[in-house]
Amino acid sequence: MGIRQGLRLFTLLGGITLSGIVALAMWGSWRGQESLRHVLEAEVVPTQQLFLVDQQLTRLRVRMYGVLADDFGIAGARLHLAQARQDIALGWATYREAHAATAGEEEQNLTETVETVLRELPGLLDRLDGLLAARDLQALAAFVKEDWWTLQLQLATPVRQLIALQQGRVADAYAAAQTLHRQALIGGGVLFAVGLALLLVFSRLLLRYVSYKLDVIEHALLRMGSGDLRTRVGGSSRGEFGRIIVALDRTADRLREDREAIELLQRQQQSILESVADGLYGTDASGLITYANTAAQRLLGWSAAEILGKRAHPMFHHTRADGSPYPAAECPLSGARLRAADFSGSTDEVFWRKDGSSFPVEFSGAPIIADEQLVGTVISFRDISDRHAADAALRKALEQAQEYLDVTLAVMVVIDRELCVRMINRAGCELLGLSEAEIVGSNWFERFVPAAQSESLARSFMCWLDEKQAGVIAAHNQNDILTAGDQVRRVSWSNALLRDAFGAVIGNLSSGLDVSEQHAAELQLHDTVERLTELNRKLEEAQNQLLQSEKMASIGQLAAGVAHEIN
């Protein structure tokens, strides 16, 4: 029997003599119905919309992990993404419309936080859809791991806090409705007792019915609040209580689905964290370790039971590499320092194992912020002992190479694309009359080439770096250099381009020999040849003149003889 049916029977039994009592009872019951309807329309429905927003955010992440694990198809994921976009927008709009005018300060702050993130959500969803369309699984994995995780933290937390507020409102509204019903029915019962025993019996029956339904609903809400989301209220789905029961059952189903999705996501995240080779541990706001993956336990030598609940710095970061104490206030991984800025890229730190040995590490850390409060930190680190050994071997090889360069008699110099000296051997330093520190970093053409040749040789060198032949500089060339004492020396160069890992030219290695004396001898020989050539020319001219004189003398003698014969 519904509430309205009971009120009709109550009116018939009371008659005209109890019209005032009936009117009062009907008014109380009507207020109870309005309260219940208000709970259903103004509180339960917006709560369901918040659950829909939270559910779609969680399912989207599950879908993306399913795509990465090849459990879901990309086409289906894109359809789900489009549906989620609509559901999130519609769900949030419905909630805002219902609570725009009644939101408290805390709810308003949470709502502004959610709307700030939701304004960025379409761009992220477009980017996610683009990655799915391009089938770029690597970029998708990075996006889900970094950007979407950040969005999940920034959006899911305030949404769930709003859900918690809504649940509190629903519970308060139900409690108020229950109180109102009881007051109305108890008052009616008192009036019925004064007016008519039959009405008293009927009111007690009606009160028992309503109380039973409210107790059932209250019991179900308490069990749901304690975490038992498989609770079912039971009973008929007809009438006002029936609709409330159906709404509660649906809410429990959605909460259970969300919890299962979150548990699945947590298991997936746990698998990812355990599969990485780097050590990873997390701390709470007070600095106590709350999680350490398998790699961290292996590198440090402590088990999870030994490391959880302890502070990281006094446990394995208490001493510097040189053996001096490391004050906790200077630790870059403290929560206060990480809150100011993310810390990454440190390679001069050491961690200490359980057995007392140490190893060099490269680590990075980031704070976990919720509601502008530091709630924890995440630190990742890796053992870089092999890298240090490789660096030492490389330095030794470079030192040996420098020794080889220093013992050669030829000048060896490396010039980069900025025309600056990056390396020069001992022979080059001796030729220039300067130390290596005074030479390295200097512009070669401005400092060590005579001013008259500096600009043209610099242009020719840049063409050589661009693999174009122009000017003097080529695979083999000679040019003058200027030493510290302003002495000009002639050097014969052999040039070879230097390239990076991608084949781009980054500079030039030149090997040179001082040929100043040879060049001077060549110049002197050239002058001697020119002088001999000039003397030879003058001799030929003198010979020609002598020959011409002899010819003229012969002609004169011939003419004299002819004249004598004629006479």
Protein backbone atom coordinates (compact mmCIF):
# COMPACT_ATOMS: atom_id res chain seq x y z
CA MET A 1 0.00 0.00 0.00
CA GLY A 2 1.35 3.38 -1.00
CA ILE A 3 1.36 6.59 0.95
CA ARG A 4 -1.44 8.14 -1.14
CA GLN A 5 -3.68 5.10 -0.67
CA GLY A 6 -3.24 5.26 3.08
CA LEU A 7 -4.12 8.94 3.10
CA ARG A 8 -7.31 8.31 1.13
CA LEU A 9 -8.39 5.62 3.61
CA PHE A 10 -7.49 7.90 6.45
CA THR A 11 -9.73 10.64 5.00
CA LEU A 12 -12.66 8.28 4.57
CA LEU A 13 -12.43 6.98 8.15
CA GLY A 14 -12.04 10.40 9.70
CA GLY A 15 -14.96 11.97 7.87
CA ILE A 16 -16.04 15.47 8.29
CA THR A 17 -15.41 15.50 12.07
CA LEU A 18 -11.73 14.81 11.57
CA SER A 19 -11.24 17.00 8.49
CA GLY A 20 -8.75 19.20 10.26
CA ILE A 21 -6.77 16.22 11.50
CA VAL A 22 -6.78 14.69 8.04
CA ALA A 23 -5.65 17.97 6.48
CA LEU A 24 -2.77 18.19 8.95
CA ALA A 25 -1.73 14.60 8.34
CA MET A 26 -1.94 15.06 4.57
CA TRP A 27 0.17 18.19 4.81
CA GLY A 28 2.85 16.35 6.79
CA SER A 29 2.81 13.44 4.37
CA TRP A 30 2.96 15.80 1.41
CA ARG A 31 6.00 17.48 2.89
CA GLY A 32 7.60 14.07 3.32
CA GLN A 33 6.90 13.20 -0.30
CA GLU A 34 8.28 16.50 -1.46
CA SER A 35 11.44 15.89 0.56
CA LEU A 36 11.86 12.45 -0.93
CA ARG A 37 11.17 13.77 -4.42
CA HIS A 38 13.66 16.57 -3.81
CA VAL A 39 16.22 13.98 -2.77
CA LEU A 40 15.55 12.02 -5.93
CA GLU A 41 15.49 14.94 -8.35
CA ALA A 42 17.86 17.44 -6.77
CA GLU A 43 20.42 15.15 -5.13
CA VAL A 44 20.36 11.59 -6.44
CA VAL A 45 20.18 12.50 -10.15
CA PRO A 46 23.11 15.01 -9.97
CA THR A 47 25.05 12.43 -7.98
CA GLN A 48 24.44 9.90 -10.74
CA GLN A 49 25.73 12.42 -13.26
CA LEU A 50 28.92 12.88 -11.22
CA PHE A 51 29.29 9.11 -11.10
CA LEU A 52 28.88 9.11 -14.90
CA VAL A 53 31.70 11.68 -15.29
CA ASP A 54 34.01 9.73 -12.97
CA GLN A 55 33.11 6.44 -14.64
CA GLN A 56 33.83 7.74 -18.14
CA LEU A 57 37.21 9.16 -17.06
CA THR A 58 38.16 5.82 -15.50
CA ARG A 59 36.88 3.77 -18.43
CA LEU A 60 38.74 5.95 -20.90
CA ARG A 61 42.04 5.20 -19.19
CA VAL A 62 41.14 1.48 -19.04
CA ARG A 63 40.29 1.55 -22.74
CA MET A 64 43.60 3.21 -23.59
CA TYR A 65 45.51 0.61 -21.62
CA GLY A 66 43.42 -2.00 -23.40
CA VAL A 67 44.49 -0.56 -26.75
CA LEU A 68 48.14 -0.60 -25.67
CA ALA A 69 47.74 -4.22 -24.49
CA ASP A 70 45.93 -5.11 -27.75
CA ASP A 71 42.81 -6.05 -25.73
CA PHE A 72 40.63 -3.40 -27.40
CA GLY A 73 40.44 -2.24 -30.98
CA ILE A 74 41.34 1.32 -31.93
CA ALA A 75 38.05 1.86 -33.76
CA GLY A 76 36.08 0.81 -30.69
CA ALA A 77 38.26 2.98 -28.48
CA ARG A 78 37.58 6.01 -30.69
CA LEU A 79 33.82 5.35 -30.55
CA HIS A 80 34.06 5.06 -26.78
CA LEU A 81 36.10 8.29 -26.72
CA ALA A 82 33.39 10.13 -28.67
CA GLN A 83 30.67 8.77 -26.37
CA ALA A 84 32.70 9.65 -23.28
CA ARG A 85 33.16 13.22 -24.58
CA GLN A 86 29.34 13.59 -24.82
CA ASP A 87 28.59 11.86 -21.52
CA ILE A 88 31.13 13.91 -19.55
CA ALA A 89 29.88 17.22 -20.97
CA LEU A 90 26.20 16.26 -20.48
CA GLY A 91 26.75 14.82 -17.00
CA TRP A 92 28.64 17.88 -15.79
CA ALA A 93 26.14 20.29 -17.36
CA THR A 94 23.27 18.46 -15.63
CA TYR A 95 25.05 18.61 -12.29
CA ARG A 96 25.91 22.33 -12.67
CA GLU A 97 22.33 23.17 -13.65
CA ALA A 98 21.00 21.40 -10.56
CA HIS A 99 23.48 23.01 -8.13
CA ALA A 100 24.38 26.34 -9.71
CA ALA A 101 22.37 28.35 -7.19
CA THR A 102 22.70 26.16 -4.08
CA ALA A 103 26.40 25.30 -4.08
CA GLY A 104 28.29 26.03 -0.88
CA GLU A 105 31.75 27.58 -0.71
CA GLU A 106 33.55 24.21 -0.65
CA GLU A 107 31.42 22.84 -3.47
CA GLN A 108 31.90 26.04 -5.48
CA ASN A 109 35.70 25.79 -5.13
CA LEU A 110 35.63 22.14 -6.22
CA THR A 111 33.32 23.03 -9.11
CA GLU A 112 35.68 25.79 -10.31
CA THR A 113 38.60 23.35 -10.11
CA VAL A 114 36.71 20.78 -12.20
CA GLU A 115 35.62 23.36 -14.78
CA THR A 116 39.19 24.64 -15.10
CA VAL A 117 40.36 21.14 -15.97
CA LEU A 118 37.31 20.44 -18.18
CA ARG A 119 38.20 23.45 -20.33
CA GLU A 120 41.46 21.69 -21.15
CA LEU A 121 39.77 18.29 -21.58
CA PRO A 122 38.53 18.76 -25.21
CA GLY A 123 42.08 19.54 -26.35
CA LEU A 124 43.42 16.47 -24.57
CA LEU A 125 40.61 14.31 -26.00
CA ASP A 126 41.35 15.68 -29.50
CA ARG A 127 45.01 14.88 -29.03
CA LEU A 128 44.10 11.40 -27.75
CA ASP A 129 41.82 10.83 -30.72
CA GLY A 130 44.61 11.99 -33.04
CA LEU A 131 47.03 9.51 -31.51
CA LEU A 132 44.44 6.73 -31.90
CA ALA A 133 43.77 7.73 -35.50
CA ALA A 134 47.50 7.79 -36.24
CA ARG A 135 47.95 4.47 -34.39
CA ASP A 136 50.96 5.97 -32.65
CA LEU A 137 51.03 3.52 -29.73
CA GLN A 138 54.35 4.80 -28.38
CA ALA A 139 53.08 8.37 -28.15
CA LEU A 140 49.76 7.03 -26.81
CA ALA A 141 51.59 5.15 -24.05
CA ALA A 142 53.53 8.29 -23.08
CA PHE A 143 50.33 10.35 -23.19
CA VAL A 144 48.40 7.89 -20.98
CA LYS A 145 51.31 7.54 -18.57
CA GLU A 146 52.04 11.26 -18.15
CA ASP A 147 49.37 13.68 -19.43
CA TRP A 148 46.29 11.55 -18.78
CA TRP A 149 47.56 10.48 -15.35
CA THR A 150 47.99 14.16 -14.45
CA LEU A 151 44.46 14.88 -15.74
CA GLN A 152 43.14 11.91 -13.74
CA LEU A 153 44.67 13.33 -10.57
CA GLN A 154 43.51 16.90 -11.28
CA LEU A 155 39.95 15.97 -12.31
CA ALA A 156 39.05 12.70 -10.61
CA THR A 157 39.96 13.90 -7.11
CA PRO A 158 37.64 16.98 -7.03
CA VAL A 159 34.87 15.01 -8.81
CA ARG A 160 35.04 12.31 -6.16
CA GLN A 161 35.06 14.93 -3.45
CA LEU A 162 31.89 16.36 -5.01
CA ILE A 163 30.45 12.83 -5.04
CA ALA A 164 31.29 12.54 -1.35
CA LEU A 165 29.54 15.87 -0.69
CA GLN A 166 26.53 14.68 -2.69
CA GLN A 167 26.44 11.42 -0.76
CA GLY A 168 26.46 13.42 2.44
CA ARG A 169 23.62 15.56 1.12
CA VAL A 170 21.64 12.48 0.12
CA ALA A 171 22.15 10.95 3.55
CA ASP A 172 21.20 14.21 5.27
CA ALA A 173 18.17 14.63 3.02
CA TYR A 174 17.04 11.10 3.67
CA ALA A 175 17.53 11.59 7.40
CA ALA A 176 15.55 14.84 7.24
CA ALA A 177 12.82 13.15 5.21
CA GLN A 178 12.71 10.29 7.70
CA THR A 179 12.47 12.74 10.59
CA LEU A 180 9.74 14.69 8.82
CA HIS A 181 7.78 11.54 8.10
CA ARG A 182 8.08 10.35 11.66
CA GLN A 183 7.06 13.71 13.08
CA ALA A 184 4.08 13.94 10.78
CA LEU A 185 2.94 10.41 11.45
CA ILE A 186 3.59 10.56 15.20
CA GLY A 187 1.64 13.83 15.38
CA GLY A 188 -1.12 12.28 13.36
CA GLY A 189 -1.08 9.28 15.64
CA VAL A 190 -1.50 11.48 18.71
CA LEU A 191 -4.38 13.29 17.04
CA PHE A 192 -5.85 10.01 15.93
CA ALA A 193 -5.65 8.69 19.49
CA VAL A 194 -7.57 11.75 20.68
CA GLY A 195 -10.08 11.53 17.85
CA LEU A 196 -10.61 7.90 17.02
CA ALA A 197 -8.96 4.61 18.05
CA LEU A 198 -9.42 3.21 14.58
CA LEU A 199 -7.48 6.05 13.07
CA LEU A 200 -4.77 5.48 15.69
CA VAL A 201 -4.45 1.86 14.67
CA PHE A 202 -4.32 2.83 11.03
CA SER A 203 -1.74 5.54 11.65
CA ARG A 204 0.45 3.11 13.58
CA LEU A 205 0.27 0.66 10.72
CA LEU A 206 1.14 3.41 8.25
CA LEU A 207 3.98 4.62 10.46
CA ARG A 208 5.33 1.10 10.74
CA TYR A 209 5.23 0.74 6.98
CA VAL A 210 7.01 4.00 6.29
CA SER A 211 9.54 3.42 9.06
CA TYR A 212 10.26 -0.03 7.75
CA LYS A 213 10.96 1.32 4.27
CA LEU A 214 13.14 4.11 5.61
CA ASP A 215 15.00 1.70 7.87
CA VAL A 216 15.62 -0.59 4.92
CA ILE A 217 16.94 2.32 2.88
CA GLU A 218 19.03 3.61 5.78
CA HIS A 219 20.50 0.17 6.41
CA ALA A 220 21.34 -0.16 2.72
CA LEU A 221 22.98 3.29 2.69
CA LEU A 222 25.05 2.45 5.76
CA ARG A 223 26.26 -0.79 4.18
CA MET A 224 27.09 1.06 0.96
CA GLY A 225 28.92 3.69 2.96
CA SER A 226 30.98 0.96 4.64
CA GLY A 227 32.09 -0.36 1.23
CA ASP A 228 29.60 -3.18 0.60
CA LEU A 229 28.50 -2.12 -2.88
CA ARG A 230 26.79 -5.46 -3.59
CA THR A 231 24.00 -4.52 -1.20
CA ARG A 232 20.48 -4.60 -2.65
CA VAL A 233 17.59 -2.81 -0.94
CA GLY A 234 14.95 -5.20 -2.26
CA GLY A 235 11.21 -4.79 -2.31
CA SER A 236 8.71 -3.53 -4.84
CA SER A 237 9.77 -0.98 -7.42
CA ARG A 238 6.37 0.72 -7.39
CA GLY A 239 5.63 4.00 -5.71
CA GLU A 240 7.92 6.63 -4.31
CA PHE A 241 9.95 4.24 -2.18
CA GLY A 242 10.23 1.91 -5.13
CA ARG A 243 11.79 4.62 -7.29
CA ILE A 244 14.23 5.49 -4.51
CA ILE A 245 15.14 1.82 -4.14
CA VAL A 246 15.77 1.51 -7.88
CA ALA A 247 17.95 4.64 -7.85
CA LEU A 248 19.98 3.32 -4.90
CA ASP A 249 20.48 -0.05 -6.58
CA ARG A 250 21.68 1.64 -9.77
CA THR A 251 24.01 3.89 -7.79
CA ALA A 252 25.50 0.87 -6.03
CA ASP A 253 26.00 -0.88 -9.38
CA ARG A 254 27.82 2.09 -10.85
CA LEU A 255 29.96 2.54 -7.77
CA ARG A 256 30.90 -1.15 -7.88
CA GLU A 257 31.79 -0.90 -11.58
CA ASP A 258 33.91 2.18 -10.88
CA ARG A 259 35.68 0.42 -8.03
CA GLU A 260 36.42 -2.61 -10.20
CA ALA A 261 37.75 -0.35 -12.96
CA ILE A 262 39.95 1.49 -10.46
CA GLU A 263 41.25 -1.79 -9.03
CA LEU A 264 42.03 -2.98 -12.56
CA LEU A 265 43.83 0.28 -13.28
CA GLN A 266 45.80 -0.02 -10.05
CA ARG A 267 46.86 -3.56 -10.94
CA GLN A 268 47.95 -2.40 -14.38
CA GLN A 269 49.92 0.49 -12.90
CA GLN A 270 51.50 -1.89 -10.40
CA SER A 271 52.58 -4.17 -13.26
CA ILE A 272 54.07 -1.21 -15.14
CA LEU A 273 55.99 0.02 -12.09
CA GLU A 274 57.33 -3.45 -11.35
CA SER A 275 58.44 -3.96 -14.95
CA VAL A 276 60.68 -0.88 -15.21
CA ALA A 277 64.43 -1.36 -14.75
CA ASP A 278 64.88 1.86 -12.76
CA GLY A 279 64.40 1.93 -9.01
CA LEU A 280 61.21 3.71 -7.98
CA TYR A 281 59.86 4.62 -4.57
CA GLY A 282 57.17 6.92 -3.25
CA THR A 283 56.74 8.77 0.03
CA ASP A 284 53.85 10.34 1.87
CA ALA A 285 53.63 13.97 2.97
CA SER A 286 55.76 13.27 6.05
CA GLY A 287 58.55 11.66 3.99
CA LEU A 288 57.88 8.02 4.94
CA ILE A 289 58.35 5.49 2.14
CA THR A 290 54.99 4.03 1.08
CA TYR A 291 56.07 2.09 -2.00
CA ALA A 292 59.26 0.63 -3.49
CA ASN A 293 59.34 -1.42 -6.67
CA THR A 294 61.34 -4.60 -7.18
CA ALA A 295 64.22 -2.78 -8.89
CA ALA A 296 64.60 -0.40 -5.93
CA GLN A 297 64.69 -3.31 -3.49
CA ARG A 298 67.29 -5.12 -5.62
CA LEU A 299 69.54 -2.06 -6.01
CA LEU A 300 69.41 -1.09 -2.33
CA GLY A 301 69.48 -4.60 -0.86
CA TRP A 302 66.46 -4.03 1.40
CA SER A 303 63.19 -5.93 1.18
CA ALA A 304 59.84 -4.16 0.98
CA ALA A 305 59.10 -5.00 4.61
CA GLU A 306 62.39 -3.41 5.69
CA ILE A 307 62.06 -0.23 3.64
CA LEU A 308 58.35 0.65 3.92
CA GLY A 309 57.53 3.18 6.63
CA LYS A 310 61.14 4.42 6.82
CA ARG A 311 62.67 7.73 5.74
CA ALA A 312 64.82 7.58 2.61
CA HIS A 313 67.57 10.04 3.54
CA PRO A 314 68.80 8.46 6.80
CA MET A 315 68.40 5.01 5.31
CA PHE A 316 70.38 5.18 2.05
CA HIS A 317 71.25 8.84 1.28
CA HIS A 318 72.97 9.85 4.51
CA THR A 319 76.58 10.20 3.27
CA ARG A 320 78.21 11.88 0.28
CA ALA A 321 80.48 10.08 -2.16
CA ASP A 322 83.58 11.43 -0.39
CA GLY A 323 82.42 9.98 2.94
CA SER A 324 81.32 13.27 4.50
CA PRO A 325 77.88 13.48 6.18
CA TYR A 326 74.99 14.62 3.99
CA PRO A 327 72.67 16.93 5.98
CA ALA A 328 69.00 16.16 5.41
CA ALA A 329 68.30 19.88 4.98
CA GLU A 330 70.46 19.89 1.84
CA CYS A 331 68.90 16.77 0.32
CA PRO A 332 67.37 17.67 -3.07
CA LEU A 333 64.77 14.93 -2.65
CA SER A 334 63.08 16.42 0.41
CA GLY A 335 59.42 17.21 0.02
CA ALA A 336 59.94 20.96 0.50
CA ARG A 337 62.56 21.17 -2.26
CA LEU A 338 60.53 19.03 -4.64
CA ARG A 339 57.46 21.17 -4.01
CA ALA A 340 59.35 24.23 -5.26
CA ALA A 341 60.38 22.51 -8.51
CA ASP A 342 60.88 19.08 -10.00
CA PHE A 343 64.41 17.78 -9.51
CA SER A 344 66.06 15.77 -12.26
CA GLY A 345 69.37 15.05 -13.87
CA SER A 346 71.62 14.63 -10.79
CA THR A 347 74.57 12.33 -11.53
CA ASP A 348 76.96 13.16 -8.67
CA GLU A 349 74.98 11.54 -5.87
CA VAL A 350 75.37 8.10 -4.28
CA PHE A 351 72.95 5.73 -2.55
CA TRP A 352 74.09 3.31 0.15
CA ARG A 353 73.14 -0.36 0.15
CA LYS A 354 72.15 -2.45 3.13
CA ASP A 355 75.63 -4.08 3.18
CA GLY A 356 77.33 -0.67 3.56
CA SER A 357 78.53 -0.35 -0.03
CA SER A 358 77.54 2.57 -2.23
CA PHE A 359 76.86 3.11 -5.90
CA PRO A 360 76.55 6.28 -8.03
CA VAL A 361 73.00 7.12 -9.06
CA GLU A 362 71.13 9.36 -11.41
CA PHE A 363 67.77 10.25 -9.95
CA SER A 364 64.80 12.49 -10.52
CA GLY A 365 61.86 13.37 -8.32
CA ALA A 366 58.51 15.09 -8.48
CA PRO A 367 55.98 16.16 -5.82
CA ILE A 368 52.43 14.84 -5.67
CA ILE A 369 50.09 17.79 -5.14
CA ALA A 370 46.40 17.51 -4.24
CA ASP A 371 44.30 20.59 -3.47
CA GLU A 372 47.50 22.66 -3.47
CA GLN A 373 48.86 20.50 -0.67
CA LEU A 374 51.92 18.24 -0.80
CA VAL A 375 50.65 14.69 -0.27
CA GLY A 376 53.78 12.80 -1.27
CA THR A 377 56.72 12.46 -3.65
CA VAL A 378 57.81 10.03 -6.35
CA ILE A 379 61.53 9.32 -6.86
CA SER A 380 63.12 7.26 -9.64
CA PHE A 381 66.81 6.34 -9.74
CA ARG A 382 69.25 4.15 -11.63
CA ASP A 383 72.69 2.71 -11.00
CA ILE A 384 75.19 4.54 -13.25
CA SER A 385 78.30 2.63 -12.19
CA ASP A 386 78.74 1.32 -15.74
CA ARG A 387 78.38 4.85 -17.10
CA HIS A 388 81.03 6.16 -14.73
CA ALA A 389 83.35 3.32 -15.76
CA ALA A 390 82.71 4.12 -19.41
CA ASP A 391 83.34 7.83 -18.75
CA ALA A 392 86.62 6.99 -17.02
CA ALA A 393 87.66 4.77 -19.93
CA LEU A 394 86.72 7.54 -22.35
CA ARG A 395 88.73 10.10 -20.40
CA LYS A 396 91.70 7.77 -20.38
CA ALA A 397 91.36 7.21 -24.11
CA LEU A 398 91.15 10.96 -24.67
CA GLU A 399 94.23 11.51 -22.54
CA GLN A 400 96.11 8.89 -24.54
CA ALA A 401 94.93 10.48 -27.77
CA GLN A 402 96.12 13.86 -26.50
CA GLU A 403 99.48 12.31 -25.67
CA TYR A 404 99.71 10.88 -29.18
CA LEU A 405 98.88 14.31 -30.60
CA ASP A 406 101.43 16.00 -28.35
CA VAL A 407 104.32 13.76 -29.43
CA THR A 408 103.77 14.37 -33.13
CA LEU A 409 105.89 17.08 -34.76
CA ALA A 410 103.02 18.33 -36.88
CA VAL A 411 100.62 21.03 -35.70
CA MET A 412 97.17 19.49 -34.92
CA VAL A 413 94.27 21.88 -34.45
CA VAL A 414 90.45 21.49 -34.39
CA ILE A 415 88.35 24.51 -35.42
CA ASP A 416 84.53 24.47 -35.06
CA ARG A 417 81.84 26.18 -37.13
CA GLU A 418 82.17 29.31 -34.98
CA LEU A 419 85.81 29.55 -36.17
CA CYS A 420 86.99 28.92 -32.61
CA VAL A 421 89.79 26.58 -31.57
CA ARG A 422 88.51 23.50 -29.74
CA MET A 423 91.78 21.52 -29.52
CA ILE A 424 95.45 22.10 -30.27
CA ASN A 425 98.46 19.90 -29.59
CA ARG A 426 101.82 20.76 -28.06
CA ALA A 427 103.51 21.42 -31.42
CA GLY A 428 100.83 23.99 -32.24
CA CYS A 429 101.24 25.72 -28.88
CA GLU A 430 105.02 25.88 -29.37
CA LEU A 431 104.65 27.28 -32.88
CA LEU A 432 102.22 29.99 -31.73
CA GLY A 433 104.20 30.71 -28.57
CA LEU A 434 101.14 30.41 -26.28
CA SER A 435 99.75 27.88 -23.79
CA GLU A 436 96.82 25.63 -24.66
CA ALA A 437 94.53 27.54 -22.25
CA GLU A 438 95.38 30.82 -24.03
CA ILE A 439 94.59 29.35 -27.44
CA VAL A 440 91.49 27.17 -26.93
CA GLY A 441 88.29 29.18 -27.40
CA SER A 442 89.97 31.91 -29.47
CA ASN A 443 88.81 32.82 -32.96
CA TRP A 444 91.54 31.31 -35.13
CA PHE A 445 91.22 33.69 -38.06
CA GLU A 446 90.94 36.87 -35.99
CA ARG A 447 93.86 36.04 -33.69
CA PHE A 448 96.27 33.79 -35.58
CA VAL A 449 95.94 34.90 -39.22
CA PRO A 450 97.48 38.15 -40.53
CA ALA A 451 94.86 40.88 -40.77
CA ALA A 452 95.26 41.21 -44.54
CA GLN A 453 94.29 37.54 -45.03
CA SER A 454 91.91 37.00 -42.09
CA GLU A 455 88.58 37.83 -43.72
CA SER A 456 89.22 36.01 -47.01
CA LEU A 457 90.56 32.89 -45.29
CA ALA A 458 87.57 32.85 -42.89
CA ARG A 459 85.15 32.95 -45.85
CA SER A 460 87.11 30.23 -47.59
CA PHE A 461 87.05 28.10 -44.39
CA MET A 462 83.25 28.43 -44.05
CA CYS A 463 82.86 27.35 -47.69
CA TRP A 464 85.08 24.37 -46.92
CA LEU A 465 82.83 23.45 -43.95
CA ASP A 466 79.82 23.74 -46.26
CA GLU A 467 81.65 21.32 -48.57
CA LYS A 468 82.08 23.95 -51.27
CA GLN A 469 85.38 24.79 -52.93
CA ALA A 470 86.10 28.51 -52.75
CA GLY A 471 89.29 30.39 -51.98
CA VAL A 472 92.54 29.02 -50.63
CA ILE A 473 91.39 26.39 -48.11
CA ALA A 474 90.95 22.89 -49.49
CA ALA A 475 92.09 19.39 -48.60
CA HIS A 476 95.68 20.68 -48.89
CA ASN A 477 96.73 24.32 -48.78
CA GLN A 478 99.31 26.73 -47.44
CA ASN A 479 98.77 30.01 -45.67
CA ASP A 480 100.47 32.34 -43.20
CA ILE A 481 99.82 32.35 -39.46
CA LEU A 482 100.65 34.96 -36.85
CA THR A 483 102.50 33.90 -33.67
CA ALA A 484 102.48 35.56 -30.26
CA GLY A 485 105.57 37.57 -31.16
CA ASP A 486 103.83 38.95 -34.31
CA GLN A 487 106.07 36.69 -36.38
CA VAL A 488 104.54 35.39 -39.61
CA ARG A 489 105.07 31.70 -40.28
CA ARG A 490 104.14 29.71 -43.36
CA VAL A 491 102.28 26.44 -42.66
CA SER A 492 101.31 23.67 -45.07
CA TRP A 493 97.93 22.21 -44.02
CA SER A 494 96.11 18.93 -44.60
CA ASN A 495 92.41 19.31 -43.72
CA ALA A 496 89.70 16.78 -42.81
CA LEU A 497 86.07 17.57 -41.98
CA LEU A 498 84.63 16.40 -38.62
CA ARG A 499 81.02 15.15 -38.49
CA ASP A 500 78.53 14.31 -35.76
CA ALA A 501 76.55 11.10 -35.40
CA PHE A 502 74.06 12.32 -38.02
CA GLY A 503 76.71 13.17 -40.61
CA ALA A 504 76.50 16.94 -40.18
CA VAL A 505 79.81 18.85 -40.38
CA ILE A 506 80.71 20.25 -36.95
CA GLY A 507 84.29 21.38 -37.56
CA ASN A 508 87.65 20.67 -39.17
CA LEU A 509 90.80 18.84 -38.11
CA SER A 510 93.95 20.34 -39.61
CA SER A 511 97.46 18.87 -39.62
CA GLY A 512 100.16 21.40 -40.46
CA LEU A 513 103.93 21.60 -40.97
CA ASP A 514 105.96 24.79 -40.59
CA VAL A 515 107.42 25.35 -44.09
CA SER A 516 108.54 28.93 -43.48
CA GLU A 517 112.22 28.25 -44.38
CA GLN A 518 111.24 26.17 -47.39
CA HIS A 519 108.85 28.90 -48.48
CA ALA A 520 111.55 31.54 -48.01
CA ALA A 521 113.98 29.43 -50.06
CA GLU A 522 111.35 29.05 -52.75
CA LEU A 523 110.81 32.80 -52.78
CA GLN A 524 114.59 33.40 -52.97
CA LEU A 525 114.91 30.84 -55.77
CA HIS A 526 112.04 32.52 -57.55
CA ASP A 527 113.81 35.91 -57.27
CA THR A 528 117.09 34.36 -58.53
CA VAL A 529 115.32 32.80 -61.50
CA GLU A 530 113.71 36.13 -62.29
CA ARG A 531 117.10 37.91 -62.12
CA LEU A 532 118.78 35.26 -64.33
CA THR A 533 115.92 35.53 -66.77
CA GLU A 534 116.38 39.29 -66.90
CA LEU A 535 120.18 38.95 -67.40
CA ASN A 536 119.64 36.37 -70.11
CA ARG A 537 117.24 38.73 -71.84
CA LYS A 538 119.75 41.54 -71.68
CA LEU A 539 122.51 39.21 -72.99
CA GLU A 540 120.35 38.20 -75.91
CA GLU A 541 119.72 41.85 -76.67
CA ALA A 542 123.47 42.57 -76.57
CA GLN A 543 124.15 39.60 -78.84
CA ASN A 544 121.51 40.79 -81.24
CA GLN A 545 123.03 44.26 -81.25
CA LEU A 546 126.53 42.81 -81.83
CA LEU A 547 125.27 40.64 -84.64
CA GLN A 548 123.55 43.61 -86.17
CA SER A 549 126.78 45.62 -85.94
CA GLU A 550 128.74 42.82 -87.60
CA LYS A 551 126.17 42.65 -90.38
CA MET A 552 126.42 46.39 -90.94
CA ALA A 553 130.25 46.17 -91.01
CA SER A 554 130.09 43.39 -93.60
CA ILE A 555 127.73 45.40 -95.74
CA GLY A 556 130.11 48.41 -95.49
CA GLN A 557 133.10 46.33 -96.55
CA LEU A 558 131.12 44.86 -99.44
CA ALA A 559 130.08 48.31 -100.57
CA ALA A 560 133.68 49.57 -100.38
CA GLY A 561 134.91 46.64 -102.48
CA VAL A 562 132.27 47.20 -105.14
CA ALA A 563 133.15 50.86 -105.29
CA HIS A 564 136.82 50.03 -105.68
CA GLU A 565 136.10 47.66 -108.53
CA ILE A 566 134.05 50.27 -110.29
CA ASN A 567 136.81 52.81 -110.07
